[in-house]
């Protein structure tokens, strides 16, 4: 089952809460990893999809993107 996931957390940006560009469909397992520090694991499984998510994250909020990547141990992908 797919669930809507916010690329930039709702609690971080009120302005992006209802922005369609900020929502992607994810299955429950991937959504859990995405929200709970498992993005590095997802990068190993779905590198092309994760790179697209990172690109969109940078387009929406570059500061948040850097914070997210640092939190997930992916500093090498920071811009």
PDB file of N, CA and C in Angstrom:
ATOM      1  N   UNK A   1       0.844  -1.186   0.000  1.00  0.00           N
ATOM      2  CA  UNK A   1       0.000   0.000   0.000  1.00  0.00           C
ATOM      3  C   UNK A   1       0.887   1.246   0.000  1.00  0.00           C
ATOM      4  N   UNK A   2       0.567   2.188  -0.836  1.00  0.00           N
ATOM      5  CA  UNK A   2       1.322   3.434  -0.919  1.00  0.00           C
ATOM      6  C   UNK A   2       0.744   4.466   0.041  1.00  0.00           C
ATOM      7  N   UNK A   3       1.631   5.236   0.639  1.00  0.00           N
ATOM      8  CA  UNK A   3       1.225   6.325   1.520  1.00  0.00           C
ATOM      9  C   UNK A   3       1.926   7.602   1.066  1.00  0.00           C
ATOM     10  N   UNK A   4       1.282   8.747   1.226  1.00  0.00           N
ATOM     11  CA  UNK A   4       1.932   9.999   0.841  1.00  0.00           C
ATOM     12  C   UNK A   4       3.011  10.374   1.857  1.00  0.00           C
ATOM     13  N   UNK A   5       4.181  10.707   1.352  1.00  0.00           N
ATOM     14  CA  UNK A   5       5.297  11.115   2.206  1.00  0.00           C
ATOM     15  C   UNK A   5       5.711  12.538   1.836  1.00  0.00           C
ATOM     16  N   UNK A   6       6.004  13.324   2.840  1.00  0.00           N
ATOM     17  CA  UNK A   6       6.498  14.681   2.609  1.00  0.00           C
ATOM     18  C   UNK A   6       8.013  14.643   2.468  1.00  0.00           C
ATOM     19  N   UNK A   7       8.525  15.237   1.429  1.00  0.00           N
ATOM     20  CA  UNK A   7       9.973  15.294   1.221  1.00  0.00           C
ATOM     21  C   UNK A   7      10.594  16.178   2.290  1.00  0.00           C
ATOM     22  N   UNK A   8      10.040  17.366   2.457  1.00  0.00           N
ATOM     23  CA  UNK A   8      10.439  18.256   3.546  1.00  0.00           C
ATOM     24  C   UNK A   8       9.390  18.069   4.638  1.00  0.00           C
ATOM     25  N   UNK A   9       9.837  17.659   5.810  1.00  0.00           N
ATOM     26  CA  UNK A   9       8.916  17.351   6.908  1.00  0.00           C
ATOM     27  C   UNK A   9       7.887  18.460   7.125  1.00  0.00           C
ATOM     28  N   UNK A  10       6.672  18.046   7.447  1.00  0.00           N
ATOM     29  CA  UNK A  10       5.608  19.006   7.727  1.00  0.00           C
ATOM     30  C   UNK A  10       5.971  19.913   8.888  1.00  0.00           C
ATOM     31  N   UNK A  11       6.619  19.365   9.898  1.00  0.00           N
ATOM     32  CA  UNK A  11       6.965  20.163  11.071  1.00  0.00           C
ATOM     33  C   UNK A  11       8.064  21.185  10.767  1.00  0.00           C
ATOM     34  N   UNK A  12       8.798  21.000   9.687  1.00  0.00           N
ATOM     35  CA  UNK A  12       9.879  21.918   9.326  1.00  0.00           C
ATOM     36  C   UNK A  12       9.360  23.103   8.525  1.00  0.00           C
ATOM     37  N   UNK A  13       8.389  22.877   7.641  1.00  0.00           N
ATOM     38  CA  UNK A  13       7.920  23.951   6.764  1.00  0.00           C
ATOM     39  C   UNK A  13       6.406  23.946   6.620  1.00  0.00           C
ATOM     40  N   UNK A  14       5.781  24.917   7.225  1.00  0.00           N
ATOM     41  CA  UNK A  14       4.332  25.067   7.091  1.00  0.00           C
ATOM     42  C   UNK A  14       3.980  25.403   5.648  1.00  0.00           C
ATOM     43  N   UNK A  15       4.804  26.195   4.995  1.00  0.00           N
ATOM     44  CA  UNK A  15       4.535  26.622   3.621  1.00  0.00           C
ATOM     45  C   UNK A  15       4.494  25.453   2.643  1.00  0.00           C
ATOM     46  N   UNK A  16       5.262  24.405   2.915  1.00  0.00           N
ATOM     47  CA  UNK A  16       5.330  23.271   1.984  1.00  0.00           C
ATOM     48  C   UNK A  16       4.384  22.129   2.342  1.00  0.00           C
ATOM     49  N   UNK A  17       3.632  22.260   3.425  1.00  0.00           N
ATOM     50  CA  UNK A  17       2.757  21.172   3.863  1.00  0.00           C
ATOM     51  C   UNK A  17       1.782  20.734   2.776  1.00  0.00           C
ATOM     52  N   UNK A  18       1.179  21.668   2.090  1.00  0.00           N
ATOM     53  CA  UNK A  18       0.164  21.352   1.085  1.00  0.00           C
ATOM     54  C   UNK A  18       0.672  21.505  -0.346  1.00  0.00           C
ATOM     55  N   UNK A  19       1.967  21.668  -0.509  1.00  0.00           N
ATOM     56  CA  UNK A  19       2.554  21.821  -1.842  1.00  0.00           C
ATOM     57  C   UNK A  19       2.702  20.444  -2.490  1.00  0.00           C
ATOM     58  N   UNK A  20       2.089  20.250  -3.626  1.00  0.00           N
ATOM     59  CA  UNK A  20       2.102  18.947  -4.307  1.00  0.00           C
ATOM     60  C   UNK A  20       3.520  18.510  -4.667  1.00  0.00           C
ATOM     61  N   UNK A  21       4.432  19.453  -4.874  1.00  0.00           N
ATOM     62  CA  UNK A  21       5.821  19.098  -5.205  1.00  0.00           C
ATOM     63  C   UNK A  21       6.525  18.443  -4.022  1.00  0.00           C
ATOM     64  N   UNK A  22       5.975  18.617  -2.831  1.00  0.00           N
ATOM     65  CA  UNK A  22       6.594  18.111  -1.611  1.00  0.00           C
ATOM     66  C   UNK A  22       6.085  16.719  -1.214  1.00  0.00           C
ATOM     67  N   UNK A  23       5.230  16.128  -2.024  1.00  0.00           N
ATOM     68  CA  UNK A  23       4.631  14.847  -1.657  1.00  0.00           C
ATOM     69  C   UNK A  23       4.990  13.789  -2.704  1.00  0.00           C
ATOM     70  N   UNK A  24       5.424  12.628  -2.200  1.00  0.00           N
ATOM     71  CA  UNK A  24       5.723  11.489  -3.070  1.00  0.00           C
ATOM     72  C   UNK A  24       5.055  10.244  -2.486  1.00  0.00           C
ATOM     73  N   UNK A  25       4.631   9.318  -3.335  1.00  0.00           N
ATOM     74  CA  UNK A  25       4.050   8.076  -2.816  1.00  0.00           C
ATOM     75  C   UNK A  25       5.151   7.075  -2.468  1.00  0.00           C
ATOM     76  N   UNK A  26       5.074   6.514  -1.267  1.00  0.00           N
ATOM     77  CA  UNK A  26       6.033   5.504  -0.831  1.00  0.00           C
ATOM     78  C   UNK A  26       5.275   4.356  -0.162  1.00  0.00           C
ATOM     79  N   UNK A  27       5.816   3.145  -0.261  1.00  0.00           N
ATOM     80  CA  UNK A  27       5.190   2.071   0.506  1.00  0.00           C
ATOM     81  C   UNK A  27       5.551   2.275   1.974  1.00  0.00           C
ATOM     82  N   UNK A  28       4.859   1.571   2.851  1.00  0.00           N
ATOM     83  CA  UNK A  28       5.001   1.828   4.292  1.00  0.00           C
ATOM     84  C   UNK A  28       6.422   1.584   4.796  1.00  0.00           C
ATOM     85  N   UNK A  29       7.082   0.544   4.313  1.00  0.00           N
ATOM     86  CA  UNK A  29       8.439   0.248   4.760  1.00  0.00           C
ATOM     87  C   UNK A  29       9.410   1.347   4.340  1.00  0.00           C
ATOM     88  N   UNK A  30       9.339   1.746   3.081  1.00  0.00           N
ATOM     89  CA  UNK A  30      10.231   2.797   2.572  1.00  0.00           C
ATOM     90  C   UNK A  30       9.922   4.119   3.262  1.00  0.00           C
ATOM     91  N   UNK A  31       8.648   4.396   3.487  1.00  0.00           N
ATOM     92  CA  UNK A  31       8.247   5.624   4.184  1.00  0.00           C
ATOM     93  C   UNK A  31       8.857   5.649   5.588  1.00  0.00           C
ATOM     94  N   UNK A  32       8.811   4.523   6.270  1.00  0.00           N
ATOM     95  CA  UNK A  32       9.390   4.432   7.619  1.00  0.00           C
ATOM     96  C   UNK A  32      10.903   4.718   7.566  1.00  0.00           C
ATOM     97  N   UNK A  33      11.611   4.096   6.633  1.00  0.00           N
ATOM     98  CA  UNK A  33      13.053   4.338   6.511  1.00  0.00           C
ATOM     99  C   UNK A  33      13.328   5.805   6.197  1.00  0.00           C
ATOM    100  N   UNK A  34      12.565   6.362   5.271  1.00  0.00           N
ATOM    101  CA  UNK A  34      12.738   7.756   4.862  1.00  0.00           C
ATOM    102  C   UNK A  34      12.586   8.707   6.048  1.00  0.00           C
ATOM    103  N   UNK A  35      11.599   8.455   6.878  1.00  0.00           N
ATOM    104  CA  UNK A  35      11.316   9.345   8.017  1.00  0.00           C
ATOM    105  C   UNK A  35      12.195   9.095   9.232  1.00  0.00           C
ATOM    106  N   UNK A  36      12.858   7.956   9.304  1.00  0.00           N
ATOM    107  CA  UNK A  36      13.547   7.582  10.539  1.00  0.00           C
ATOM    108  C   UNK A  36      15.027   7.274  10.360  1.00  0.00           C
ATOM    109  N   UNK A  37      15.693   8.030   9.509  1.00  0.00           N
ATOM    110  CA  UNK A  37      17.143   7.926   9.392  1.00  0.00           C
ATOM    111  C   UNK A  37      17.663   6.769   8.563  1.00  0.00           C
ATOM    112  N   UNK A  38      16.815   6.142   7.754  1.00  0.00           N
ATOM    113  CA  UNK A  38      17.254   5.020   6.942  1.00  0.00           C
ATOM    114  C   UNK A  38      17.499   5.352   5.488  1.00  0.00           C
ATOM    115  N   UNK A  39      17.705   6.633   5.190  1.00  0.00           N
ATOM    116  CA  UNK A  39      17.863   7.038   3.788  1.00  0.00           C
ATOM    117  C   UNK A  39      19.139   6.466   3.174  1.00  0.00           C
ATOM    118  N   UNK A  40      20.168   6.286   3.984  1.00  0.00           N
ATOM    119  CA  UNK A  40      21.418   5.711   3.477  1.00  0.00           C
ATOM    120  C   UNK A  40      21.165   4.285   2.964  1.00  0.00           C
ATOM    121  N   UNK A  41      20.361   3.544   3.686  1.00  0.00           N
ATOM    122  CA  UNK A  41      19.983   2.194   3.250  1.00  0.00           C
ATOM    123  C   UNK A  41      19.179   2.253   1.945  1.00  0.00           C
ATOM    124  N   UNK A  42      18.264   3.210   1.869  1.00  0.00           N
ATOM    125  CA  UNK A  42      17.478   3.359   0.644  1.00  0.00           C
ATOM    126  C   UNK A  42      18.359   3.722  -0.548  1.00  0.00           C
ATOM    127  N   UNK A  43      19.418   4.488  -0.299  1.00  0.00           N
ATOM    128  CA  UNK A  43      20.346   4.851  -1.384  1.00  0.00           C
ATOM    129  C   UNK A  43      21.005   3.615  -1.980  1.00  0.00           C
ATOM    130  N   UNK A  44      21.246   2.603  -1.172  1.00  0.00           N
ATOM    131  CA  UNK A  44      21.866   1.372  -1.680  1.00  0.00           C
ATOM    132  C   UNK A  44      20.874   0.549  -2.506  1.00  0.00           C
ATOM    133  N   UNK A  45      19.597   0.633  -2.155  1.00  0.00           N
ATOM    134  CA  UNK A  45      18.572  -0.156  -2.841  1.00  0.00           C
ATOM    135  C   UNK A  45      18.060   0.563  -4.090  1.00  0.00           C
ATOM    136  N   UNK A  46      17.779   1.862  -3.969  1.00  0.00           N
ATOM    137  CA  UNK A  46      17.170   2.654  -5.041  1.00  0.00           C
ATOM    138  C   UNK A  46      17.976   3.929  -5.313  1.00  0.00           C
ATOM    139  N   UNK A  47      19.221   3.826  -5.773  1.00  0.00           N
ATOM    140  CA  UNK A  47      20.043   5.034  -5.926  1.00  0.00           C
ATOM    141  C   UNK A  47      19.454   6.072  -6.874  1.00  0.00           C
ATOM    142  N   UNK A  48      18.897   5.663  -7.985  1.00  0.00           N
ATOM    143  CA  UNK A  48      18.362   6.606  -8.961  1.00  0.00           C
ATOM    144  C   UNK A  48      17.139   7.336  -8.413  1.00  0.00           C
ATOM    145  N   UNK A  49      16.280   6.644  -7.678  1.00  0.00           N
ATOM    146  CA  UNK A  49      15.090   7.279  -7.098  1.00  0.00           C
ATOM    147  C   UNK A  49      15.490   8.238  -5.980  1.00  0.00           C
ATOM    148  N   UNK A  50      16.433   7.823  -5.161  1.00  0.00           N
ATOM    149  CA  UNK A  50      16.869   8.675  -4.053  1.00  0.00           C
ATOM    150  C   UNK A  50      17.549   9.942  -4.565  1.00  0.00           C
ATOM    151  N   UNK A  51      18.313   9.832  -5.631  1.00  0.00           N
ATOM    152  CA  UNK A  51      18.944  11.025  -6.210  1.00  0.00           C
ATOM    153  C   UNK A  51      17.889  11.994  -6.720  1.00  0.00           C
ATOM    154  N   UNK A  52      16.810  11.483  -7.293  1.00  0.00           N
ATOM    155  CA  UNK A  52      15.714  12.345  -7.746  1.00  0.00           C
ATOM    156  C   UNK A  52      15.032  13.019  -6.560  1.00  0.00           C
ATOM    157  N   UNK A  53      14.874  12.301  -5.455  1.00  0.00           N
ATOM    158  CA  UNK A  53      14.279  12.886  -4.248  1.00  0.00           C
ATOM    159  C   UNK A  53      15.192  13.978  -3.700  1.00  0.00           C
ATOM    160  N   UNK A  54      16.485  13.723  -3.671  1.00  0.00           N
ATOM    161  CA  UNK A  54      17.440  14.732  -3.190  1.00  0.00           C
ATOM    162  C   UNK A  54      17.396  15.972  -4.077  1.00  0.00           C
ATOM    163  N   UNK A  55      17.342  15.802  -5.386  1.00  0.00           N
ATOM    164  CA  UNK A  55      17.237  16.949  -6.298  1.00  0.00           C
ATOM    165  C   UNK A  55      15.997  17.771  -6.002  1.00  0.00           C
ATOM    166  N   UNK A  56      14.869  17.090  -5.807  1.00  0.00           N
ATOM    167  CA  UNK A  56      13.631  17.819  -5.511  1.00  0.00           C
ATOM    168  C   UNK A  56      13.723  18.502  -4.154  1.00  0.00           C
ATOM    169  N   UNK A  57      14.334  17.819  -3.184  1.00  0.00           N
ATOM    170  CA  UNK A  57      14.500  18.398  -1.852  1.00  0.00           C
ATOM    171  C   UNK A  57      15.317  19.688  -1.947  1.00  0.00           C
ATOM    172  N   UNK A  58      16.389  19.672  -2.727  1.00  0.00           N
ATOM    173  CA  UNK A  58      17.200  20.883  -2.905  1.00  0.00           C
ATOM    174  C   UNK A  58      16.403  21.988  -3.590  1.00  0.00           C
ATOM    175  N   UNK A  59      15.546  21.637  -4.531  1.00  0.00           N
ATOM    176  CA  UNK A  59      14.711  22.645  -5.187  1.00  0.00           C
ATOM    177  C   UNK A  59      13.711  23.260  -4.218  1.00  0.00           C
ATOM    178  N   UNK A  60      13.209  22.458  -3.293  1.00  0.00           N
ATOM    179  CA  UNK A  60      12.222  22.953  -2.328  1.00  0.00           C
ATOM    180  C   UNK A  60      12.863  23.751  -1.196  1.00  0.00           C
ATOM    181  N   UNK A  61      13.963  23.238  -0.637  1.00  0.00           N
ATOM    182  CA  UNK A  61      14.587  23.897   0.505  1.00  0.00           C
ATOM    183  C   UNK A  61      16.027  23.397   0.673  1.00  0.00           C
ATOM    184  N   UNK A  62      17.007  24.116   0.127  1.00  0.00           N
ATOM    185  CA  UNK A  62      18.400  23.668   0.187  1.00  0.00           C
ATOM    186  C   UNK A  62      18.947  23.495   1.606  1.00  0.00           C
ATOM    187  N   UNK A  63      18.556  24.353   2.531  1.00  0.00           N
ATOM    188  CA  UNK A  63      19.040  24.217   3.908  1.00  0.00           C
ATOM    189  C   UNK A  63      18.533  22.930   4.543  1.00  0.00           C
ATOM    190  N   UNK A  64      17.266  22.627   4.319  1.00  0.00           N
ATOM    191  CA  UNK A  64      16.701  21.392   4.843  1.00  0.00           C
ATOM    192  C   UNK A  64      17.387  20.184   4.205  1.00  0.00           C
ATOM    193  N   UNK A  65      17.644  20.252   2.904  1.00  0.00           N
ATOM    194  CA  UNK A  65      18.302  19.140   2.205  1.00  0.00           C
ATOM    195  C   UNK A  65      19.660  18.831   2.833  1.00  0.00           C
ATOM    196  N   UNK A  66      20.451  19.852   3.099  1.00  0.00           N
ATOM    197  CA  UNK A  66      21.759  19.635   3.720  1.00  0.00           C
ATOM    198  C   UNK A  66      21.616  19.038   5.122  1.00  0.00           C
ATOM    199  N   UNK A  67      20.657  19.523   5.867  1.00  0.00           N
ATOM    200  CA  UNK A  67      20.408  18.999   7.212  1.00  0.00           C
ATOM    201  C   UNK A  67      19.992  17.528   7.146  1.00  0.00           C
ATOM    202  N   UNK A  68      19.105  17.205   6.216  1.00  0.00           N
ATOM    203  CA  UNK A  68      18.615  15.840   6.034  1.00  0.00           C
ATOM    204  C   UNK A  68      19.762  14.892   5.666  1.00  0.00           C
ATOM    205  N   UNK A  69      20.595  15.314   4.727  1.00  0.00           N
ATOM    206  CA  UNK A  69      21.706  14.466   4.298  1.00  0.00           C
ATOM    207  C   UNK A  69      22.722  14.271   5.418  1.00  0.00           C
ATOM    208  N   UNK A  70      22.999  15.326   6.169  1.00  0.00           N
ATOM    209  CA  UNK A  70      23.927  15.217   7.302  1.00  0.00           C
ATOM    210  C   UNK A  70      23.378  14.237   8.337  1.00  0.00           C
ATOM    211  N   UNK A  71      22.095  14.347   8.634  1.00  0.00           N
ATOM    212  CA  UNK A  71      21.441  13.472   9.619  1.00  0.00           C
ATOM    213  C   UNK A  71      21.535  12.003   9.184  1.00  0.00           C
ATOM    214  N   UNK A  72      21.519  11.762   7.887  1.00  0.00           N
ATOM    215  CA  UNK A  72      21.542  10.400   7.360  1.00  0.00           C
ATOM    216  C   UNK A  72      22.939   9.919   6.982  1.00  0.00           C
ATOM    217  N   UNK A  73      23.964  10.691   7.361  1.00  0.00           N
ATOM    218  CA  UNK A  73      25.339  10.276   7.103  1.00  0.00           C
ATOM    219  C   UNK A  73      25.734  10.311   5.644  1.00  0.00           C
ATOM    220  N   UNK A  74      25.118  11.219   4.895  1.00  0.00           N
ATOM    221  CA  UNK A  74      25.382  11.327   3.457  1.00  0.00           C
ATOM    222  C   UNK A  74      25.967  12.703   3.113  1.00  0.00           C
ATOM    223  N   UNK A  75      26.902  13.151   3.922  1.00  0.00           N
ATOM    224  CA  UNK A  75      27.510  14.464   3.706  1.00  0.00           C
ATOM    225  C   UNK A  75      28.146  14.583   2.322  1.00  0.00           C
ATOM    226  N   UNK A  76      28.591  13.466   1.779  1.00  0.00           N
ATOM    227  CA  UNK A  76      29.236  13.486   0.452  1.00  0.00           C
ATOM    228  C   UNK A  76      28.268  13.914  -0.656  1.00  0.00           C
ATOM    229  N   UNK A  77      26.968  13.895  -0.395  1.00  0.00           N
ATOM    230  CA  UNK A  77      25.982  14.308  -1.394  1.00  0.00           C
ATOM    231  C   UNK A  77      25.541  15.758  -1.212  1.00  0.00           C
ATOM    232  N   UNK A  78      26.039  16.419  -0.179  1.00  0.00           N
ATOM    233  CA  UNK A  78      25.638  17.810   0.085  1.00  0.00           C
ATOM    234  C   UNK A  78      26.197  18.722  -1.000  1.00  0.00           C
ATOM    235  N   UNK A  79      25.442  19.775  -1.273  1.00  0.00           N
ATOM    236  CA  UNK A  79      25.850  20.755  -2.297  1.00  0.00           C
ATOM    237  C   UNK A  79      26.193  22.076  -1.651  1.00  0.00           C
TER     238      UNK A  79
END
